[in-house]
Protein backbone atom coordinates (compact mmCIF):
# COMPACT_ATOMS: atom_id res chain seq x y z
CA MET A 1 -4.66 -95.26 90.56
CA LYS A 2 -5.84 -97.60 88.48
CA ARG A 3 -5.44 -95.57 85.07
CA TRP A 4 -2.12 -94.88 86.06
CA PHE A 5 -1.34 -98.75 86.67
CA PHE A 6 -2.66 -99.40 83.19
CA LEU A 7 -0.36 -96.72 81.48
CA SER A 8 2.55 -97.93 83.45
CA PHE A 9 2.02 -101.48 82.73
CA SER A 10 1.65 -100.57 78.70
CA LEU A 11 4.73 -98.88 78.90
CA LEU A 12 6.28 -101.95 80.51
CA VAL A 13 5.02 -104.25 77.53
CA SER A 14 6.22 -101.93 75.14
CA SER A 15 9.80 -101.97 77.01
CA LEU A 16 9.78 -105.49 77.10
CA VAL A 17 9.10 -105.77 73.17
CA ALA A 18 11.76 -103.08 72.43
CA CYS A 19 14.23 -105.46 74.36
CA GLY A 20 14.56 -107.61 71.49
CA ASP A 21 16.86 -105.27 69.89
CA GLU A 22 19.82 -106.21 71.43
CA GLY A 23 23.69 -105.90 70.90
CA VAL A 24 25.73 -103.35 69.36
CA GLY A 25 24.42 -101.87 66.30
CA PRO A 26 25.20 -99.39 63.62
CA LEU A 27 26.64 -96.37 65.27
CA THR A 28 25.26 -92.78 64.34
CA PRO A 29 27.55 -91.43 61.19
CA PRO A 30 29.40 -88.22 62.01
CA ALA A 31 28.54 -84.88 60.45
CA ASP A 32 30.82 -83.14 58.14
CA SER A 33 31.52 -80.48 60.79
CA PRO A 34 30.68 -80.30 64.29
CA PRO A 35 28.36 -77.10 64.72
CA ILE A 36 27.93 -75.38 68.05
CA PHE A 37 24.34 -75.64 69.43
CA SER A 38 22.87 -73.03 71.39
CA GLU A 39 19.95 -74.54 73.35
CA MET A 40 21.54 -76.65 76.15
CA LEU A 41 20.18 -76.71 79.88
CA THR A 42 22.39 -79.59 81.37
CA VAL A 43 24.13 -82.74 80.83
CA GLY A 44 24.79 -85.83 83.00
CA ALA A 45 27.24 -88.75 82.64
CA GLY A 46 27.09 -92.35 83.63
CA ASN A 47 29.32 -95.39 82.96
CA ASP A 48 30.13 -95.01 79.53
CA PHE A 49 27.15 -92.97 78.30
CA SER A 50 25.95 -89.85 78.80
CA CYS A 51 22.37 -87.77 78.45
CA ALA A 52 21.44 -84.12 78.21
CA LEU A 53 18.54 -81.88 78.16
CA ARG A 54 17.86 -79.04 75.80
CA THR A 55 16.07 -75.92 76.93
CA ASP A 56 12.88 -77.14 75.29
CA GLY A 57 12.88 -80.26 77.63
CA ALA A 58 13.82 -82.81 75.15
CA ALA A 59 16.12 -85.45 76.18
CA PHE A 60 18.96 -87.03 74.45
CA CYS A 61 21.55 -89.69 74.95
CA TRP A 62 24.66 -91.32 73.39
CA GLY A 63 27.18 -93.91 74.04
CA ALA A 64 26.79 -97.38 75.77
CA ASN A 65 23.34 -98.70 75.51
CA GLU A 66 23.60 -102.57 76.73
CA SER A 67 20.76 -101.88 79.47
CA GLY A 68 18.68 -99.44 77.38
CA GLN A 69 20.20 -96.57 78.99
CA LEU A 70 20.21 -94.17 76.17
CA GLY A 71 16.41 -94.36 76.17
CA ASP A 72 15.97 -94.62 72.38
CA GLY A 73 13.85 -97.89 72.56
CA THR A 74 16.72 -99.82 71.22
CA ARG A 75 20.06 -101.48 72.93
CA PHE A 76 22.41 -100.03 70.11
CA SER A 77 25.27 -97.76 71.13
CA ARG A 78 25.44 -94.65 69.70
CA ASN A 79 28.37 -92.36 68.96
CA ALA A 80 25.90 -88.96 68.66
CA PRO A 81 22.90 -87.97 70.47
CA VAL A 82 19.84 -89.79 69.86
CA GLU A 83 16.53 -88.36 71.53
CA VAL A 84 14.68 -90.22 74.12
CA VAL A 85 11.48 -91.97 72.69
CA GLY A 86 7.92 -90.84 73.60
CA GLY A 87 8.02 -87.13 73.07
CA HIS A 88 8.54 -86.63 76.73
CA ARG A 89 9.97 -82.91 78.05
CA PHE A 90 11.72 -82.97 81.17
CA SER A 91 12.62 -80.02 83.62
CA GLU A 92 15.54 -82.11 85.34
CA LEU A 93 17.48 -85.11 84.49
CA SER A 94 19.79 -87.27 86.49
CA VAL A 95 22.27 -90.31 85.06
CA GLY A 96 23.47 -93.08 87.14
CA ASP A 97 25.32 -96.08 86.04
CA ARG A 98 23.03 -97.39 83.43
CA THR A 99 20.16 -95.76 84.42
CA ALA A 100 18.88 -92.37 83.80
CA CYS A 101 15.64 -90.52 85.43
CA GLY A 102 13.48 -87.29 84.58
CA ILE A 103 11.21 -85.17 85.75
CA ILE A 104 8.35 -84.19 83.44
CA ALA A 105 6.21 -80.91 83.73
CA ASP A 106 3.64 -82.50 86.17
CA GLY A 107 6.38 -83.82 88.70
CA SER A 108 6.19 -87.03 87.76
CA ALA A 109 9.46 -88.98 87.27
CA LEU A 110 10.23 -91.56 84.63
CA CYS A 111 13.36 -93.86 84.32
CA TRP A 112 14.85 -95.93 81.50
CA GLY A 113 18.10 -98.37 81.46
CA SER A 114 19.33 -100.94 83.95
CA ASP A 115 16.52 -101.97 86.55
CA ARG A 116 19.04 -103.52 88.77
CA SER A 117 17.78 -103.67 92.20
CA GLY A 118 14.34 -101.94 91.38
CA MET A 119 16.38 -98.83 90.19
CA LEU A 120 13.37 -98.01 87.50
CA GLY A 121 11.07 -97.54 90.45
CA SER A 122 8.42 -99.03 88.35
CA GLY A 123 6.71 -100.86 91.47
CA PHE A 124 7.03 -104.20 89.31
CA PRO A 125 8.69 -107.32 90.84
CA ILE A 126 12.52 -106.96 91.04
CA GLY A 127 14.07 -109.40 88.24
CA LEU A 128 10.71 -109.19 86.15
CA PHE A 129 12.81 -107.72 83.05
CA PRO A 130 16.44 -106.82 82.60
CA GLY A 131 15.36 -102.95 82.03
CA SER A 132 13.49 -100.54 80.01
CA PRO A 133 15.17 -98.93 76.81
CA ALA A 134 12.12 -96.40 76.85
CA PRO A 135 11.09 -94.19 79.68
CA ILE A 136 8.63 -95.95 82.23
CA ALA A 137 6.79 -94.32 85.01
CA VAL A 138 8.27 -94.08 88.67
CA ALA A 139 5.57 -95.98 90.93
CA GLY A 140 3.56 -94.17 93.98
CA GLY A 141 2.15 -90.89 92.09
CA HIS A 142 4.67 -88.68 93.62
CA LYS A 143 5.40 -85.19 92.14
CA PHE A 144 9.07 -84.63 92.37
CA ARG A 145 11.08 -81.55 92.68
CA SER A 146 14.39 -83.19 92.07
CA ILE A 147 15.82 -86.26 91.43
CA ASP A 148 19.37 -88.02 91.67
CA VAL A 149 20.38 -91.16 90.34
CA GLY A 150 23.16 -93.40 91.87
CA LEU A 151 24.89 -97.07 91.32
CA THR A 152 21.82 -98.91 92.49
CA THR A 153 19.79 -96.26 94.48
CA ALA A 154 17.95 -93.40 93.03
CA CYS A 155 16.16 -90.77 95.34
CA GLY A 156 13.93 -87.70 94.72
CA ILE A 157 12.51 -84.79 96.57
CA ALA A 158 8.64 -84.40 96.21
CA GLU A 159 6.45 -81.19 96.23
CA ASP A 160 5.29 -82.60 99.70
CA GLY A 161 8.80 -82.08 101.28
CA MET A 162 9.57 -85.63 101.96
CA THR A 163 12.33 -87.63 100.36
CA TYR A 164 11.69 -90.66 98.96
CA CYS A 165 14.21 -93.57 97.77
CA TRP A 166 14.14 -96.58 95.75
CA GLY A 167 16.50 -99.54 94.74
CA SER A 168 19.18 -101.31 96.46
CA ASN A 169 19.14 -100.78 100.44
CA LEU A 170 22.30 -102.49 100.74
CA PHE A 171 23.71 -101.25 104.32
CA GLY A 172 20.54 -98.81 104.74
CA ALA A 173 21.13 -96.97 101.55
CA LEU A 174 17.33 -96.00 101.15
CA GLY A 175 17.17 -94.50 104.76
CA ASN A 176 13.91 -96.15 105.49
CA GLY A 177 15.18 -97.44 109.00
CA SER A 178 16.04 -101.14 107.72
CA ASP A 179 19.25 -102.27 105.82
CA SER A 180 17.27 -105.00 103.80
CA GLY A 181 15.24 -105.75 100.93
CA ASP A 182 15.52 -103.97 97.53
CA GLN A 183 12.69 -101.84 96.84
CA SER A 184 11.06 -100.89 93.43
CA THR A 185 8.86 -98.51 94.86
CA PRO A 186 9.77 -95.35 96.39
CA GLY A 187 10.17 -95.23 100.06
CA ALA A 188 9.91 -92.18 102.39
CA VAL A 189 13.23 -91.54 104.21
CA VAL A 190 12.84 -91.55 107.82
CA ASN A 191 12.20 -88.02 109.30
CA SER A 192 12.70 -86.23 105.70
CA ALA A 193 9.69 -84.44 106.20
CA THR A 194 10.82 -82.76 109.55
CA LEU A 195 14.31 -82.10 107.96
CA GLY A 196 13.05 -80.66 104.50
CA PHE A 197 15.79 -81.61 102.51
CA VAL A 198 16.37 -79.28 99.39
CA THR A 199 19.01 -81.66 97.75
CA VAL A 200 19.94 -85.44 97.59
CA SER A 201 22.78 -87.25 96.47
CA ALA A 202 22.41 -90.82 95.76
CA ALA A 203 25.61 -93.22 95.44
CA PHE A 204 26.58 -96.85 96.31
CA GLN A 205 26.12 -97.45 99.76
CA THR A 206 26.05 -93.92 101.29
CA THR A 207 23.31 -91.26 100.57
CA CYS A 208 23.77 -87.66 101.43
CA ALA A 209 21.24 -84.59 101.43
CA LEU A 210 21.30 -80.99 102.66
CA ASP A 211 18.45 -79.24 104.66
CA ALA A 212 17.58 -75.49 104.16
CA THR A 213 20.14 -74.18 106.44
CA GLY A 214 23.11 -75.83 104.59
CA GLY A 215 23.43 -78.82 106.89
CA ALA A 216 24.78 -82.26 105.84
CA PHE A 217 22.99 -85.41 106.71
CA CYS A 218 23.81 -88.67 105.47
CA TRP A 219 22.61 -92.59 105.79
CA GLY A 220 23.81 -96.02 104.78
CA THR A 221 27.75 -96.87 104.91
CA ASP A 222 29.50 -94.57 106.94
CA ARG A 223 33.34 -95.85 106.44
CA GLY A 224 34.22 -92.14 106.83
CA ALA A 225 31.86 -90.82 104.13
CA PHE A 226 29.58 -89.19 107.12
CA GLY A 227 32.56 -86.93 107.50
CA ASN A 228 32.23 -86.91 111.37
CA GLY A 229 35.43 -88.67 112.16
CA PRO A 230 36.79 -91.11 112.96
CA GLY A 231 34.18 -93.54 111.35
CA ASP A 232 34.82 -96.79 110.10
CA THR A 233 37.69 -96.48 107.28
CA PRO A 234 39.04 -100.09 106.60
CA ILE A 235 37.06 -101.54 103.53
CA SER A 236 36.34 -104.61 105.93
CA MET A 237 34.86 -102.42 108.71
CA SER A 238 31.05 -101.04 108.37
CA SER A 239 29.42 -98.79 110.40
CA VAL A 240 25.59 -98.58 109.19
CA THR A 241 23.00 -95.96 109.93
CA ARG A 242 19.61 -96.67 108.46
CA ILE A 243 18.13 -92.93 109.07
CA PRO A 244 19.49 -89.50 107.92
CA THR A 245 22.16 -88.45 110.58
CA PRO A 246 24.23 -85.28 110.93
CA ALA A 247 27.10 -85.51 108.93
CA ALA A 248 30.24 -83.30 107.73
CA SER A 249 30.88 -82.20 111.17
CA GLY A 250 28.70 -79.71 111.38
CA ILE A 251 29.97 -77.16 108.61
CA THR A 252 27.60 -75.66 106.11
CA LEU A 253 27.49 -76.39 102.74
CA THR A 254 25.65 -75.22 99.68
CA SER A 255 26.05 -78.63 97.57
CA ILE A 256 27.10 -82.07 98.40
CA GLU A 257 28.12 -84.84 96.02
CA SER A 258 28.33 -88.60 97.20
CA GLY A 259 30.80 -90.50 95.68
CA VAL A 260 31.86 -94.13 96.49
CA PHE A 261 33.27 -94.27 100.18
CA TYR A 262 33.95 -90.62 99.83
CA VAL A 263 31.73 -87.08 99.68
CA CYS A 264 32.83 -83.61 98.51
CA GLY A 265 30.85 -80.31 98.91
CA LEU A 266 30.95 -76.68 98.56
CA ASN A 267 30.90 -74.47 101.81
CA THR A 268 29.26 -71.07 101.44
CA ALA A 269 32.74 -69.26 100.18
CA GLY A 270 32.77 -71.74 97.40
CA LYS A 271 35.62 -73.81 98.95
CA ALA A 272 35.76 -77.46 98.30
CA ARG A 273 35.69 -80.03 101.00
CA CYS A 274 36.30 -83.80 100.48
CA TRP A 275 36.30 -86.50 103.17
CA GLY A 276 35.89 -90.49 103.24
CA SER A 277 37.66 -93.62 103.48
CA ASP A 278 38.78 -93.86 99.87
CA ASN A 279 41.25 -91.76 98.59
CA SER A 280 43.35 -94.03 96.25
CA THR A 281 43.37 -92.04 92.79
CA GLY A 282 43.43 -88.88 94.62
CA GLN A 283 39.94 -88.32 94.12
CA GLN A 284 39.58 -86.15 97.30
CA GLY A 285 42.05 -83.47 96.09
CA ASN A 286 43.73 -82.92 99.15
CA GLY A 287 47.41 -83.30 98.02
CA THR A 288 48.02 -86.83 99.28
CA PHE A 289 46.42 -90.39 98.65
CA THR A 290 45.67 -90.83 102.48
CA PRO A 291 41.81 -90.39 102.90
CA ALA A 292 40.57 -87.26 105.32
CA ILE A 293 37.66 -88.84 107.24
CA THR A 294 36.79 -85.37 108.14
CA PRO A 295 35.93 -82.34 105.36
CA THR A 296 39.15 -81.30 104.15
CA PRO A 297 40.27 -78.56 101.80
CA VAL A 298 40.89 -79.42 97.88
CA VAL A 299 44.39 -78.07 97.34
CA GLY A 300 44.65 -74.60 95.57
CA ASP A 301 42.02 -72.35 97.23
CA HIS A 302 40.17 -72.29 94.43
CA THR A 303 36.69 -70.52 94.65
CA PHE A 304 34.08 -72.86 92.69
CA VAL A 305 30.46 -72.81 91.96
CA SER A 306 29.61 -76.32 91.55
CA ILE A 307 31.39 -79.71 92.02
CA ASP A 308 30.63 -83.44 90.89
CA ALA A 309 32.07 -86.65 92.31
CA TYR A 310 31.49 -89.98 90.34
CA ASP A 311 29.50 -92.23 92.44
CA ASN A 312 29.24 -95.13 90.33
CA ASP A 313 32.52 -96.86 90.69
CA ARG A 314 34.86 -98.03 93.39
CA VAL A 315 38.48 -97.91 92.06
CA LEU A 316 38.58 -94.97 89.26
CA GLU A 317 37.09 -92.38 91.01
CA THR A 318 37.26 -88.60 89.77
CA SER A 319 36.15 -85.43 91.04
CA CYS A 320 35.40 -82.03 89.01
CA ALA A 321 34.25 -78.71 89.64
CA ILE A 322 34.13 -75.25 87.82
CA THR A 323 35.03 -71.76 89.01
CA SER A 324 32.62 -68.54 88.53
CA ALA A 325 34.97 -67.74 85.58
CA GLY A 326 33.94 -71.10 83.96
CA GLU A 327 37.59 -72.79 84.60
CA ALA A 328 37.03 -76.15 84.89
CA TYR A 329 39.49 -78.51 87.10
CA CYS A 330 39.49 -82.23 87.67
CA TRP A 331 41.29 -84.64 90.38
CA GLY A 332 41.71 -88.02 90.58
CA SER A 333 41.95 -90.97 88.40
CA ASN A 334 43.40 -90.03 84.68
CA ARG A 335 43.50 -93.52 83.47
CA ARG A 336 41.31 -92.76 80.28
CA GLY A 337 42.41 -88.96 80.08
CA GLN A 338 38.97 -87.58 81.96
CA LEU A 339 41.16 -85.12 83.83
CA GLY A 340 41.73 -83.15 80.82
CA GLY A 341 45.13 -82.74 81.04
CA PRO A 342 48.87 -84.24 82.21
CA SER A 343 48.48 -85.37 85.77
CA GLY A 344 52.06 -85.89 86.79
CA GLU A 345 51.55 -88.82 89.37
CA MET A 346 50.79 -92.69 88.87
CA CYS A 347 48.44 -94.60 90.80
CA GLY A 348 48.01 -98.49 90.98
CA PRO A 349 48.32 -101.23 90.32
CA LEU A 350 47.74 -102.44 93.86
CA GLY A 351 44.14 -102.91 94.74
CA THR A 352 42.87 -101.30 91.85
CA GLY A 353 42.87 -104.38 89.03
CA PHE A 354 44.61 -102.23 86.72
CA PRO A 355 47.87 -101.64 85.53
CA ALA A 356 49.65 -98.34 86.82
CA PHE A 357 47.91 -95.28 85.73
CA GLU A 358 47.86 -91.74 85.52
CA CYS A 359 45.91 -89.85 88.73
CA SER A 360 46.49 -86.48 90.43
CA SER A 361 46.07 -85.40 94.42
CA THR A 362 45.53 -81.98 93.38
CA PRO A 363 43.24 -80.00 90.56
CA VAL A 364 44.43 -80.46 87.11
CA THR A 365 43.15 -77.48 84.75
CA VAL A 366 40.91 -78.95 81.99
CA GLY A 367 42.79 -78.13 78.41
CA GLY A 368 41.10 -76.46 75.71
CA GLY A 369 40.30 -73.04 76.89
CA VAL A 370 36.68 -73.87 77.11
CA ARG A 371 34.59 -71.98 79.53
CA PHE A 372 31.91 -74.25 81.63
CA ALA A 373 28.62 -73.49 83.28
CA SER A 374 28.32 -77.27 84.48
CA ILE A 375 30.12 -80.20 84.56
CA ALA A 376 29.47 -84.16 85.24
CA VAL A 377 31.72 -86.65 85.99
CA GLY A 378 31.32 -90.31 84.34
CA LEU A 379 33.42 -93.56 84.80
CA THR A 380 36.27 -92.66 82.33
CA HIS A 381 34.77 -89.76 80.73
CA VAL A 382 33.36 -86.22 82.08
CA CYS A 383 30.92 -83.51 80.34
CA GLY A 384 30.55 -80.25 80.44
CA VAL A 385 28.05 -77.39 79.33
CA SER A 386 29.79 -74.58 78.11
CA LYS A 387 29.03 -70.80 78.63
CA ASP A 388 28.35 -70.48 75.10
CA ALA A 389 25.69 -73.48 75.69
CA ALA A 390 27.51 -76.10 73.90
CA ILE A 391 28.51 -79.43 75.19
CA TYR A 392 31.77 -81.04 75.44
CA CYS A 393 33.45 -84.15 76.89
CA TRP A 394 36.53 -85.69 77.45
CA GLY A 395 38.12 -89.21 78.39
CA SER A 396 37.13 -92.37 76.98
CA ASN A 397 35.18 -92.88 74.12
CA GLU A 398 34.98 -96.41 73.60
CA PHE A 399 31.47 -96.57 73.21
CA GLY A 400 30.64 -93.43 71.76
CA GLN A 401 30.50 -91.63 74.99
CA LEU A 402 32.08 -88.34 73.83
CA GLY A 403 29.14 -87.83 71.66
CA ASN A 404 31.22 -86.14 68.75
CA GLY A 405 30.34 -89.05 66.04
CA SER A 406 33.69 -91.11 66.63
CA MET A 407 35.25 -93.53 69.33
CA THR A 408 38.52 -92.24 69.50
CA ASP A 409 39.54 -91.22 73.19
CA SER A 410 40.23 -87.52 73.97
CA PRO A 411 42.20 -85.76 76.79
CA VAL A 412 40.78 -82.61 75.94
CA PRO A 413 37.26 -81.42 75.31
CA VAL A 414 35.63 -82.07 72.03
CA VAL A 415 32.40 -80.88 71.02
CA VAL A 416 29.03 -83.25 70.88
CA ARG A 417 27.27 -83.66 67.93
CA PRO A 418 23.84 -81.24 67.80
CA LEU A 419 20.83 -82.46 69.76
CA THR A 420 18.83 -82.86 66.48
CA THR A 421 15.12 -84.18 66.92
CA SER A 422 14.94 -86.91 64.27
């Protein structure tokens, strides 16, 4: 333990020194042509930034970097991928609002970016430093199988079968039996050893997980997000559950994705179901803007192999999914072109803080003819890995989060620059 603390403290000091590189610096210049690369494993999208893994485990990020979320040791925004410093090789990567975390070969977790509410899991006092532009070790010495980062909460499933969460405990989001006290050290989720979760999805005030049988459990704020109906749907009301509680009305799911006051999942037939108290942009995909507080089919009867719900914003939610053939569909907000195609409906301005904008309450086909293997929803942009192992992104590009060497928005997928080790 002493050696682990020394290494973590050394990394912390290095991160504090690196924090002097503040501001938006020179952006990575575009290459003459955008070649397709063939070594992609996964991609994640957050609040105006994106990260991806090569198959050799090297991590790269691009876009906004005010909190050090690109992990390149600076706070300069980049419009093309830069490698996460430290020479680490990751087996898994998760991207949150302004924080990213990954698991290395020995199962240890490292995080970088914003430390809001203790999101880095460093074990150091919350508020000690504004974040880290380089990966630092998650405290506790746990060996993780998987990890998921939300807005202010992160959770991981460890090799010992326990689920651990850290960060904000607002409304019981850590699942530790209380609803007070942010936590910078991973704490065990109550009953997680017995429940044996195989996947976990952290969001804003609600965290959900699946057990080995496909049973759903959630903890934190209900607001219809537990999918048991009726729940507390008005924003002014909140039913708080501080430990895992059966959710999704007992249906069997193969995946679950927590959004902000809504949740989506796939059943064993690959059919998408969404529910919760928020459907203001049509992010539940049920053909209306009325919230469904029990699992309700997404319009179109598509058969999907993966689904993602944006979990870091309360007014601009978008959901996306892909079929076994690689067709991508998105629904919800299209304010910055993140649906990948025209929506034909309008949302706002009431309650959103934005002028009226495009949205869709039904799935929209992502244009460009790309066939995807995976997809990740960010704040106002979306990224996906194609079946030929290239990365494409679309939507807002204000901070270079599309990674194509420009800062021009695109309503259709554009290829990301190669992930090249410098």
